[in-house]
Amino acid sequence: MGVRENSSGGNNHYFKVSGSGLLYQSSREPKEGFEEHINEKTGAVSYWRVFWNGIEGYLSDINVREVEFNGVKAKYVSIKISDEDGNYFINVPLMTQKGGINNYVKSLVRYLPNIDLKRKVVINPAHAKKGYAPGNFFISYARETPDGKDELIQQYYKNGQNGWPDRVESTDIMGNKKFDYTAQDTFAFQVFKQYLEKFKAENEKSEQDRSQSIGATPTAQTPPPSYAPQAPSQTPPPSYQQAPQQAQAPLFGGQQQPPQYPPFGDDSDLPF
């Protein structure tokens, strides 16, 4: 099944990622399998269920959703994983408080050209309790090695590879180092938008095909039928070979001002 621990609640399951990298579901009320969680900054009490082993299934969609939190609208990236038991949505903010692209979104972009959508994957955020720095995903093919272990997918984009810009280092007047991620964020955002368009086009095509098929019953485990973007690492897809010529703060929805996101990892009132 999709989650590698038991999960309940219908065919759609929604997950968030905490600031320390935990994949979890949350509730404002006590529920079976959930443990009390106290927000260290606000003292607010909610109930979390943590999933340590990630989500398994087919990467079937990526889209951006606008949600409202305490009267403030913000955009979240929804990563949809599907299998025979249902659909699993991992939601992370699109942008940071400072207006850059969220590290989890950039981590996803690094993998995308090398993911074969016809193969089951496992996606799990890196988290501090297992000794990893938060802000990255581990994405693997599920149980495909001879010994039945997951096979980690190689990232297509790395610093200096396939056009991925490195951060720009500078020093302020006090001699402190600063890092500028504008070029990297702009490049990642352009690649991300192209994949959003591809998923949207493929999903629309799939819907048309299903509507034209008499008696056809779609199944959740079936990946998109024709879109398989896997490419050999030495041959980048034609549309991703060049980084944007001018590094500007990424725009979304025609706005450059970054939205005010709720505290990352304690957004229990969000509608997912």
C-alpha atoms as a PDB file:
ATOM      1  CA  MET A   1       0.000   0.000   0.000  1.00  0.00           C
ATOM      2  CA  GLY A   2       1.002   3.640  -0.292  1.00  0.00           C
ATOM      3  CA  VAL A   3       2.046   4.370   3.281  1.00  0.00           C
ATOM      4  CA  ARG A   4       4.376   1.870   4.826  1.00  0.00           C
ATOM      5  CA  GLU A   5       2.439   2.006   8.044  1.00  0.00           C
ATOM      6  CA  ASN A   6      -1.293   1.495   8.414  1.00  0.00           C
ATOM      7  CA  SER A   7      -3.406   4.483   7.421  1.00  0.00           C
ATOM      8  CA  SER A   8      -7.136   5.078   7.438  1.00  0.00           C
ATOM      9  CA  GLY A   9      -9.568   7.719   6.279  1.00  0.00           C
ATOM     10  CA  GLY A  10     -10.916   6.921   2.817  1.00  0.00           C
ATOM     11  CA  ASN A  11      -9.098   6.803  -0.496  1.00  0.00           C
ATOM     12  CA  ASN A  12      -7.377  10.194  -0.226  1.00  0.00           C
ATOM     13  CA  HIS A  13      -4.709  10.746   2.405  1.00  0.00           C
ATOM     14  CA  TYR A  14      -3.015  14.081   3.110  1.00  0.00           C
ATOM     15  CA  PHE A  15       0.443  14.592   4.566  1.00  0.00           C
ATOM     16  CA  LYS A  16       2.628  17.493   5.587  1.00  0.00           C
ATOM     17  CA  VAL A  17       6.330  17.843   6.339  1.00  0.00           C
ATOM     18  CA  SER A  18       7.459  19.360   9.628  1.00  0.00           C
ATOM     19  CA  GLY A  19      10.315  21.811  10.025  1.00  0.00           C
ATOM     20  CA  SER A  20      12.548  18.943  11.179  1.00  0.00           C
ATOM     21  CA  GLY A  21      11.598  16.814   8.164  1.00  0.00           C
ATOM     22  CA  LEU A  22       8.944  14.524   9.637  1.00  0.00           C
ATOM     23  CA  LEU A  23       6.244  13.235   7.285  1.00  0.00           C
ATOM     24  CA  TYR A  24       2.991  13.381   9.230  1.00  0.00           C
ATOM     25  CA  GLN A  25      -0.770  13.728   9.336  1.00  0.00           C
ATOM     26  CA  SER A  26      -2.353  16.091  11.816  1.00  0.00           C
ATOM     27  CA  SER A  27      -5.647  16.541  13.616  1.00  0.00           C
ATOM     28  CA  ARG A  28      -7.018  19.168  15.975  1.00  0.00           C
ATOM     29  CA  GLU A  29      -8.839  16.435  17.875  1.00  0.00           C
ATOM     30  CA  PRO A  30      -7.484  13.230  19.481  1.00  0.00           C
ATOM     31  CA  LYS A  31      -7.560  10.256  17.093  1.00  0.00           C
ATOM     32  CA  GLU A  32      -6.442   6.657  17.273  1.00  0.00           C
ATOM     33  CA  GLY A  33      -2.776   6.325  16.325  1.00  0.00           C
ATOM     34  CA  PHE A  34      -2.102  10.066  16.799  1.00  0.00           C
ATOM     35  CA  GLU A  35       0.070  11.539  19.540  1.00  0.00           C
ATOM     36  CA  GLU A  36      -0.212  14.932  21.184  1.00  0.00           C
ATOM     37  CA  HIS A  37       2.007  17.606  19.669  1.00  0.00           C
ATOM     38  CA  ILE A  38       2.675  20.990  21.292  1.00  0.00           C
ATOM     39  CA  ASN A  39       3.916  23.856  19.156  1.00  0.00           C
ATOM     40  CA  GLU A  40       7.097  25.083  20.824  1.00  0.00           C
ATOM     41  CA  LYS A  41       6.497  28.682  19.719  1.00  0.00           C
ATOM     42  CA  THR A  42       2.781  29.130  20.327  1.00  0.00           C
ATOM     43  CA  GLY A  43       1.901  26.352  22.759  1.00  0.00           C
ATOM     44  CA  ALA A  44      -0.938  25.223  20.493  1.00  0.00           C
ATOM     45  CA  VAL A  45      -1.924  21.591  20.935  1.00  0.00           C
ATOM     46  CA  SER A  46      -2.607  19.293  17.975  1.00  0.00           C
ATOM     47  CA  TYR A  47      -2.272  15.580  17.285  1.00  0.00           C
ATOM     48  CA  TRP A  48       0.236  14.081  14.891  1.00  0.00           C
ATOM     49  CA  ARG A  49       0.781  10.724  13.311  1.00  0.00           C
ATOM     50  CA  VAL A  50       4.314  10.359  11.959  1.00  0.00           C
ATOM     51  CA  PHE A  51       5.167   8.098   8.994  1.00  0.00           C
ATOM     52  CA  TRP A  52       8.820   7.160   9.192  1.00  0.00           C
ATOM     53  CA  ASN A  53       9.094   5.023   6.061  1.00  0.00           C
ATOM     54  CA  GLY A  54       7.624   7.291   3.409  1.00  0.00           C
ATOM     55  CA  ILE A  55       4.960   6.919   0.735  1.00  0.00           C
ATOM     56  CA  GLU A  56       5.058   4.205  -1.937  1.00  0.00           C
ATOM     57  CA  GLY A  57       3.242   4.284  -5.281  1.00  0.00           C
ATOM     58  CA  TYR A  58       3.259   5.974  -8.676  1.00  0.00           C
ATOM     59  CA  LEU A  59       4.017   9.660  -9.004  1.00  0.00           C
ATOM     60  CA  SER A  60       0.748  10.585 -10.701  1.00  0.00           C
ATOM     61  CA  ASP A  61       0.505  14.357 -10.417  1.00  0.00           C
ATOM     62  CA  ILE A  62       2.136  17.559  -9.191  1.00  0.00           C
ATOM     63  CA  ASN A  63       0.163  20.755  -8.859  1.00  0.00           C
ATOM     64  CA  VAL A  64       0.020  24.010  -6.945  1.00  0.00           C
ATOM     65  CA  ARG A  65      -2.869  24.735  -4.609  1.00  0.00           C
ATOM     66  CA  GLU A  66      -3.770  28.053  -3.054  1.00  0.00           C
ATOM     67  CA  VAL A  67      -4.957  27.740   0.518  1.00  0.00           C
ATOM     68  CA  GLU A  68      -6.065  30.265   3.098  1.00  0.00           C
ATOM     69  CA  PHE A  69      -4.673  30.270   6.616  1.00  0.00           C
ATOM     70  CA  ASN A  70      -5.935  32.790   9.165  1.00  0.00           C
ATOM     71  CA  GLY A  71      -7.131  35.030   6.338  1.00  0.00           C
ATOM     72  CA  VAL A  72      -3.830  34.867   4.422  1.00  0.00           C
ATOM     73  CA  LYS A  73      -3.594  33.068   1.075  1.00  0.00           C
ATOM     74  CA  ALA A  74      -0.504  30.998   0.273  1.00  0.00           C
ATOM     75  CA  LYS A  75       0.519  28.512  -2.395  1.00  0.00           C
ATOM     76  CA  TYR A  76       1.438  24.927  -1.635  1.00  0.00           C
ATOM     77  CA  VAL A  77       2.893  22.233  -3.873  1.00  0.00           C
ATOM     78  CA  SER A  78       0.884  19.018  -3.794  1.00  0.00           C
ATOM     79  CA  ILE A  79       2.756  15.837  -4.756  1.00  0.00           C
ATOM     80  CA  LYS A  80       0.309  13.042  -5.581  1.00  0.00           C
ATOM     81  CA  ILE A  81       1.330   9.399  -5.162  1.00  0.00           C
ATOM     82  CA  SER A  82      -1.212   6.754  -6.219  1.00  0.00           C
ATOM     83  CA  ASP A  83      -1.569   3.006  -5.859  1.00  0.00           C
ATOM     84  CA  GLU A  84      -4.319   0.388  -5.740  1.00  0.00           C
ATOM     85  CA  ASP A  85      -5.407   1.555  -2.274  1.00  0.00           C
ATOM     86  CA  GLY A  86      -5.827   5.251  -2.959  1.00  0.00           C
ATOM     87  CA  ASN A  87      -4.108   8.595  -3.423  1.00  0.00           C
ATOM     88  CA  TYR A  88      -1.534  10.171  -1.133  1.00  0.00           C
ATOM     89  CA  PHE A  89      -0.826  13.908  -1.197  1.00  0.00           C
ATOM     90  CA  ILE A  90       2.351  15.418   0.261  1.00  0.00           C
ATOM     91  CA  ASN A  91       1.955  19.172   0.673  1.00  0.00           C
ATOM     92  CA  VAL A  92       4.842  21.620   1.105  1.00  0.00           C
ATOM     93  CA  PRO A  93       4.987  25.423   0.698  1.00  0.00           C
ATOM     94  CA  LEU A  94       6.008  26.616  -2.746  1.00  0.00           C
ATOM     95  CA  MET A  95       8.101  29.482  -1.411  1.00  0.00           C
ATOM     96  CA  THR A  96       9.966  30.499   1.735  1.00  0.00           C
ATOM     97  CA  GLN A  97       9.234  33.475   3.958  1.00  0.00           C
ATOM     98  CA  LYS A  98      12.073  35.332   2.198  1.00  0.00           C
ATOM     99  CA  GLY A  99      10.605  34.764  -1.256  1.00  0.00           C
ATOM    100  CA  GLY A 100      12.882  31.945  -2.439  1.00  0.00           C
ATOM    101  CA  ILE A 101      11.825  28.512  -3.654  1.00  0.00           C
ATOM    102  CA  ASN A 102      11.270  26.041  -0.837  1.00  0.00           C
ATOM    103  CA  ASN A 103      14.114  23.521  -0.521  1.00  0.00           C
ATOM    104  CA  TYR A 104      11.721  20.555  -0.746  1.00  0.00           C
ATOM    105  CA  VAL A 105      10.421  21.852  -4.063  1.00  0.00           C
ATOM    106  CA  LYS A 106      13.978  22.269  -5.365  1.00  0.00           C
ATOM    107  CA  SER A 107      14.825  18.774  -4.148  1.00  0.00           C
ATOM    108  CA  LEU A 108      11.860  17.360  -6.097  1.00  0.00           C
ATOM    109  CA  VAL A 109      12.944  19.256  -9.230  1.00  0.00           C
ATOM    110  CA  ARG A 110      16.432  17.732  -9.015  1.00  0.00           C
ATOM    111  CA  TYR A 111      14.939  14.237  -9.407  1.00  0.00           C
ATOM    112  CA  LEU A 112      12.147  14.854 -11.917  1.00  0.00           C
ATOM    113  CA  PRO A 113      13.911  14.182 -15.271  1.00  0.00           C
ATOM    114  CA  ASN A 114      15.184  10.826 -13.985  1.00  0.00           C
ATOM    115  CA  ILE A 115      11.869   9.539 -12.596  1.00  0.00           C
ATOM    116  CA  ASP A 116      10.136   6.894 -14.719  1.00  0.00           C
ATOM    117  CA  LEU A 117       6.450   7.391 -13.964  1.00  0.00           C
ATOM    118  CA  LYS A 118       5.678   3.790 -14.933  1.00  0.00           C
ATOM    119  CA  ARG A 119       7.645   2.478 -11.958  1.00  0.00           C
ATOM    120  CA  LYS A 120       6.636   2.628  -8.321  1.00  0.00           C
ATOM    121  CA  VAL A 121       8.634   5.045  -6.218  1.00  0.00           C
ATOM    122  CA  VAL A 122       9.109   5.711  -2.532  1.00  0.00           C
ATOM    123  CA  ILE A 123       9.305   9.324  -1.405  1.00  0.00           C
ATOM    124  CA  ASN A 124      10.420  10.288   2.088  1.00  0.00           C
ATOM    125  CA  PRO A 125      11.729  13.586   3.447  1.00  0.00           C
ATOM    126  CA  ALA A 126      15.134  13.662   5.099  1.00  0.00           C
ATOM    127  CA  HIS A 127      14.667  14.252   8.802  1.00  0.00           C
ATOM    128  CA  ALA A 128      16.920  15.194  11.679  1.00  0.00           C
ATOM    129  CA  LYS A 129      15.980  12.225  13.883  1.00  0.00           C
ATOM    130  CA  LYS A 130      17.720   9.931  11.402  1.00  0.00           C
ATOM    131  CA  GLY A 131      20.755  12.196  11.171  1.00  0.00           C
ATOM    132  CA  TYR A 132      19.901  14.025   7.931  1.00  0.00           C
ATOM    133  CA  ALA A 133      19.548  17.739   7.318  1.00  0.00           C
ATOM    134  CA  PRO A 134      15.896  18.615   6.594  1.00  0.00           C
ATOM    135  CA  GLY A 135      14.955  20.233   3.303  1.00  0.00           C
ATOM    136  CA  ASN A 136      15.479  17.304   0.938  1.00  0.00           C
ATOM    137  CA  PHE A 137      13.551  14.318  -0.322  1.00  0.00           C
ATOM    138  CA  PHE A 138      14.855  10.809  -0.808  1.00  0.00           C
ATOM    139  CA  ILE A 139      13.134   9.343  -3.883  1.00  0.00           C
ATOM    140  CA  SER A 140      13.752   5.700  -4.776  1.00  0.00           C
ATOM    141  CA  TYR A 141      12.291   2.962  -6.946  1.00  0.00           C
ATOM    142  CA  ALA A 142      10.366   0.654  -4.645  1.00  0.00           C
ATOM    143  CA  ARG A 143      11.884  -2.750  -3.820  1.00  0.00           C
ATOM    144  CA  GLU A 144      13.632  -3.169  -7.176  1.00  0.00           C
ATOM    145  CA  THR A 145      17.076  -4.408  -6.119  1.00  0.00           C
ATOM    146  CA  PRO A 146      17.810  -8.176  -6.124  1.00  0.00           C
ATOM    147  CA  ASP A 147      17.506  -8.242  -2.337  1.00  0.00           C
ATOM    148  CA  GLY A 148      14.188  -6.388  -2.397  1.00  0.00           C
ATOM    149  CA  LYS A 149      15.518  -3.070  -1.182  1.00  0.00           C
ATOM    150  CA  ASP A 150      14.650   0.320  -2.610  1.00  0.00           C
ATOM    151  CA  GLU A 151      16.911   1.724  -5.331  1.00  0.00           C
ATOM    152  CA  LEU A 152      17.737   5.393  -4.816  1.00  0.00           C
ATOM    153  CA  ILE A 153      17.130   7.446  -7.981  1.00  0.00           C
ATOM    154  CA  GLN A 154      20.042   9.607  -9.035  1.00  0.00           C
ATOM    155  CA  GLN A 155      19.399  13.326  -9.016  1.00  0.00           C
ATOM    156  CA  TYR A 156      19.534  14.740 -12.532  1.00  0.00           C
ATOM    157  CA  TYR A 157      20.308  18.270 -11.411  1.00  0.00           C
ATOM    158  CA  LYS A 158      23.242  18.886  -9.120  1.00  0.00           C
ATOM    159  CA  ASN A 159      25.369  21.943  -8.507  1.00  0.00           C
ATOM    160  CA  GLY A 160      27.063  22.730 -11.795  1.00  0.00           C
ATOM    161  CA  GLN A 161      25.494  19.775 -13.633  1.00  0.00           C
ATOM    162  CA  ASN A 162      22.922  19.985 -16.437  1.00  0.00           C
ATOM    163  CA  GLY A 163      22.638  23.732 -16.009  1.00  0.00           C
ATOM    164  CA  TRP A 164      21.838  23.761 -12.270  1.00  0.00           C
ATOM    165  CA  PRO A 165      23.328  27.003 -10.857  1.00  0.00           C
ATOM    166  CA  ASP A 166      25.283  26.928  -7.625  1.00  0.00           C
ATOM    167  CA  ARG A 167      24.647  29.472  -4.923  1.00  0.00           C
ATOM    168  CA  VAL A 168      26.591  32.723  -5.195  1.00  0.00           C
ATOM    169  CA  GLU A 169      28.820  33.545  -2.246  1.00  0.00           C
ATOM    170  CA  SER A 170      29.644  37.095  -1.160  1.00  0.00           C
ATOM    171  CA  THR A 171      30.950  38.903   1.910  1.00  0.00           C
ATOM    172  CA  ASP A 172      29.228  41.783   3.675  1.00  0.00           C
ATOM    173  CA  ILE A 173      30.966  44.850   5.084  1.00  0.00           C
ATOM    174  CA  MET A 174      31.504  43.057   8.411  1.00  0.00           C
ATOM    175  CA  GLY A 175      33.288  40.159   6.723  1.00  0.00           C
ATOM    176  CA  ASN A 176      30.396  37.732   7.090  1.00  0.00           C
ATOM    177  CA  LYS A 177      29.659  35.309   4.267  1.00  0.00           C
ATOM    178  CA  LYS A 178      26.318  35.561   2.494  1.00  0.00           C
ATOM    179  CA  PHE A 179      24.756  33.285  -0.091  1.00  0.00           C
ATOM    180  CA  ASP A 180      22.497  34.333  -2.946  1.00  0.00           C
ATOM    181  CA  TYR A 181      20.202  31.609  -4.359  1.00  0.00           C
ATOM    182  CA  THR A 182      18.379  33.813  -6.892  1.00  0.00           C
ATOM    183  CA  ALA A 183      19.822  32.157 -10.009  1.00  0.00           C
ATOM    184  CA  GLN A 184      19.260  28.663  -8.586  1.00  0.00           C
ATOM    185  CA  ASP A 185      15.693  29.472  -7.527  1.00  0.00           C
ATOM    186  CA  THR A 186      14.886  30.963 -10.923  1.00  0.00           C
ATOM    187  CA  PHE A 187      16.229  27.930 -12.783  1.00  0.00           C
ATOM    188  CA  ALA A 188      14.396  25.486 -10.479  1.00  0.00           C
ATOM    189  CA  PHE A 189      11.158  27.418 -10.826  1.00  0.00           C
ATOM    190  CA  GLN A 190      11.306  27.393 -14.633  1.00  0.00           C
ATOM    191  CA  VAL A 191      11.864  23.621 -14.685  1.00  0.00           C
ATOM    192  CA  PHE A 192       9.085  23.148 -12.127  1.00  0.00           C
ATOM    193  CA  LYS A 193       6.580  25.137 -14.220  1.00  0.00           C
ATOM    194  CA  GLN A 194       7.361  23.025 -17.297  1.00  0.00           C
ATOM    195  CA  TYR A 195       6.625  19.846 -15.349  1.00  0.00           C
ATOM    196  CA  LEU A 196       3.391  21.333 -14.026  1.00  0.00           C
ATOM    197  CA  GLU A 197       2.315  21.942 -17.619  1.00  0.00           C
ATOM    198  CA  LYS A 198       3.272  18.404 -18.673  1.00  0.00           C
ATOM    199  CA  PHE A 199       1.361  16.791 -15.824  1.00  0.00           C
ATOM    200  CA  LYS A 200      -1.659  18.979 -16.535  1.00  0.00           C
ATOM    201  CA  ALA A 201      -1.628  18.132 -20.255  1.00  0.00           C
ATOM    202  CA  GLU A 202      -1.212  14.402 -19.583  1.00  0.00           C
ATOM    203  CA  ASN A 203      -3.960  14.327 -16.979  1.00  0.00           C
ATOM    204  CA  GLU A 204      -6.337  16.159 -19.325  1.00  0.00           C
ATOM    205  CA  LYS A 205      -5.521  13.639 -22.055  1.00  0.00           C
ATOM    206  CA  SER A 206      -6.122  10.760 -19.657  1.00  0.00           C
ATOM    207  CA  GLU A 207      -9.515  12.191 -18.685  1.00  0.00           C
ATOM    208  CA  GLN A 208     -10.484  12.512 -22.359  1.00  0.00           C
ATOM    209  CA  ASP A 209      -9.393   8.946 -23.059  1.00  0.00           C
ATOM    210  CA  ARG A 210     -11.423   7.648 -20.116  1.00  0.00           C
ATOM    211  CA  SER A 211     -14.524   9.568 -21.177  1.00  0.00           C
ATOM    212  CA  GLN A 212     -14.273   8.061 -24.647  1.00  0.00           C
ATOM    213  CA  SER A 213     -13.815   4.518 -23.386  1.00  0.00           C
ATOM    214  CA  ILE A 214     -17.177   2.827 -22.921  1.00  0.00           C
ATOM    215  CA  GLY A 215     -17.288   0.957 -19.648  1.00  0.00           C
ATOM    216  CA  ALA A 216     -13.670   1.758 -18.834  1.00  0.00           C
ATOM    217  CA  THR A 217     -12.965   1.942 -15.108  1.00  0.00           C
ATOM    218  CA  PRO A 218      -9.760   3.804 -14.175  1.00  0.00           C
ATOM    219  CA  THR A 219      -7.695   2.326 -11.365  1.00  0.00           C
ATOM    220  CA  ALA A 220      -5.647   4.329  -8.909  1.00  0.00           C
ATOM    221  CA  GLN A 221      -2.503   2.275  -9.461  1.00  0.00           C
ATOM    222  CA  THR A 222      -2.269   3.030 -13.162  1.00  0.00           C
ATOM    223  CA  PRO A 223       0.407   5.655 -13.859  1.00  0.00           C
ATOM    224  CA  PRO A 224       0.020   8.252 -16.622  1.00  0.00           C
ATOM    225  CA  PRO A 225      -0.039   6.175 -19.831  1.00  0.00           C
ATOM    226  CA  SER A 226       2.407   7.986 -22.061  1.00  0.00           C
ATOM    227  CA  TYR A 227       4.448  10.476 -20.077  1.00  0.00           C
ATOM    228  CA  ALA A 228       7.715   8.834 -19.013  1.00  0.00           C
ATOM    229  CA  PRO A 229      10.348  11.559 -18.634  1.00  0.00           C
ATOM    230  CA  GLN A 230      13.276   9.332 -17.649  1.00  0.00           C
ATOM    231  CA  ALA A 231      16.377  10.267 -19.594  1.00  0.00           C
ATOM    232  CA  PRO A 232      19.986   9.084 -19.478  1.00  0.00           C
ATOM    233  CA  SER A 233      21.909  11.355 -17.163  1.00  0.00           C
ATOM    234  CA  GLN A 234      24.281  12.421 -19.918  1.00  0.00           C
ATOM    235  CA  THR A 235      21.486  13.610 -22.201  1.00  0.00           C
ATOM    236  CA  PRO A 236      19.356  16.372 -20.711  1.00  0.00           C
ATOM    237  CA  PRO A 237      15.873  16.912 -22.065  1.00  0.00           C
ATOM    238  CA  PRO A 238      16.035  19.585 -24.803  1.00  0.00           C
ATOM    239  CA  SER A 239      13.935  22.111 -22.932  1.00  0.00           C
ATOM    240  CA  TYR A 240      16.056  21.959 -19.791  1.00  0.00           C
ATOM    241  CA  GLN A 241      19.563  22.399 -21.190  1.00  0.00           C
ATOM    242  CA  GLN A 242      19.867  26.115 -20.561  1.00  0.00           C
ATOM    243  CA  ALA A 243      19.427  28.080 -17.381  1.00  0.00           C
ATOM    244  CA  PRO A 244      17.447  31.306 -17.585  1.00  0.00           C
ATOM    245  CA  GLN A 245      19.624  34.081 -18.959  1.00  0.00           C
ATOM    246  CA  GLN A 246      18.685  36.609 -16.297  1.00  0.00           C
ATOM    247  CA  ALA A 247      18.392  35.705 -12.635  1.00  0.00           C
ATOM    248  CA  GLN A 248      15.307  37.349 -11.193  1.00  0.00           C
ATOM    249  CA  ALA A 249      13.214  36.556  -8.184  1.00  0.00           C
ATOM    250  CA  PRO A 250      10.693  33.907  -9.320  1.00  0.00           C
ATOM    251  CA  LEU A 251       7.157  35.050  -9.957  1.00  0.00           C
ATOM    252  CA  PHE A 252       4.010  33.063  -9.298  1.00  0.00           C
ATOM    253  CA  GLY A 253       0.555  34.252 -10.126  1.00  0.00           C
ATOM    254  CA  GLY A 254       1.989  37.551 -11.335  1.00  0.00           C
ATOM    255  CA  GLN A 255       3.196  38.503  -7.858  1.00  0.00           C
ATOM    256  CA  GLN A 256       6.773  38.941  -6.691  1.00  0.00           C
ATOM    257  CA  GLN A 257       6.041  39.696  -3.043  1.00  0.00           C
ATOM    258  CA  PRO A 258       6.434  36.447  -1.043  1.00  0.00           C
ATOM    259  CA  PRO A 259       3.312  35.232   0.763  1.00  0.00           C
ATOM    260  CA  GLN A 260       3.253  34.936   4.549  1.00  0.00           C
ATOM    261  CA  TYR A 261       3.171  31.218   5.240  1.00  0.00           C
ATOM    262  CA  PRO A 262       2.055  29.707   8.531  1.00  0.00           C
ATOM    263  CA  PRO A 263       4.792  28.235  10.753  1.00  0.00           C
ATOM    264  CA  PHE A 264       6.255  25.361   8.765  1.00  0.00           C
ATOM    265  CA  GLY A 265       5.166  22.054  10.250  1.00  0.00           C
ATOM    266  CA  ASP A 266       2.437  23.364  12.565  1.00  0.00           C
ATOM    267  CA  ASP A 267      -0.245  24.351  10.080  1.00  0.00           C
ATOM    268  CA  SER A 268      -2.971  22.123  11.492  1.00  0.00           C
ATOM    269  CA  ASP A 269      -5.766  24.382  10.291  1.00  0.00           C
ATOM    270  CA  LEU A 270      -4.887  24.039   6.613  1.00  0.00           C
ATOM    271  CA  PRO A 271      -7.601  22.284   4.557  1.00  0.00           C
ATOM    272  CA  PHE A 272      -5.559  19.151   3.832  1.00  0.00           C
END
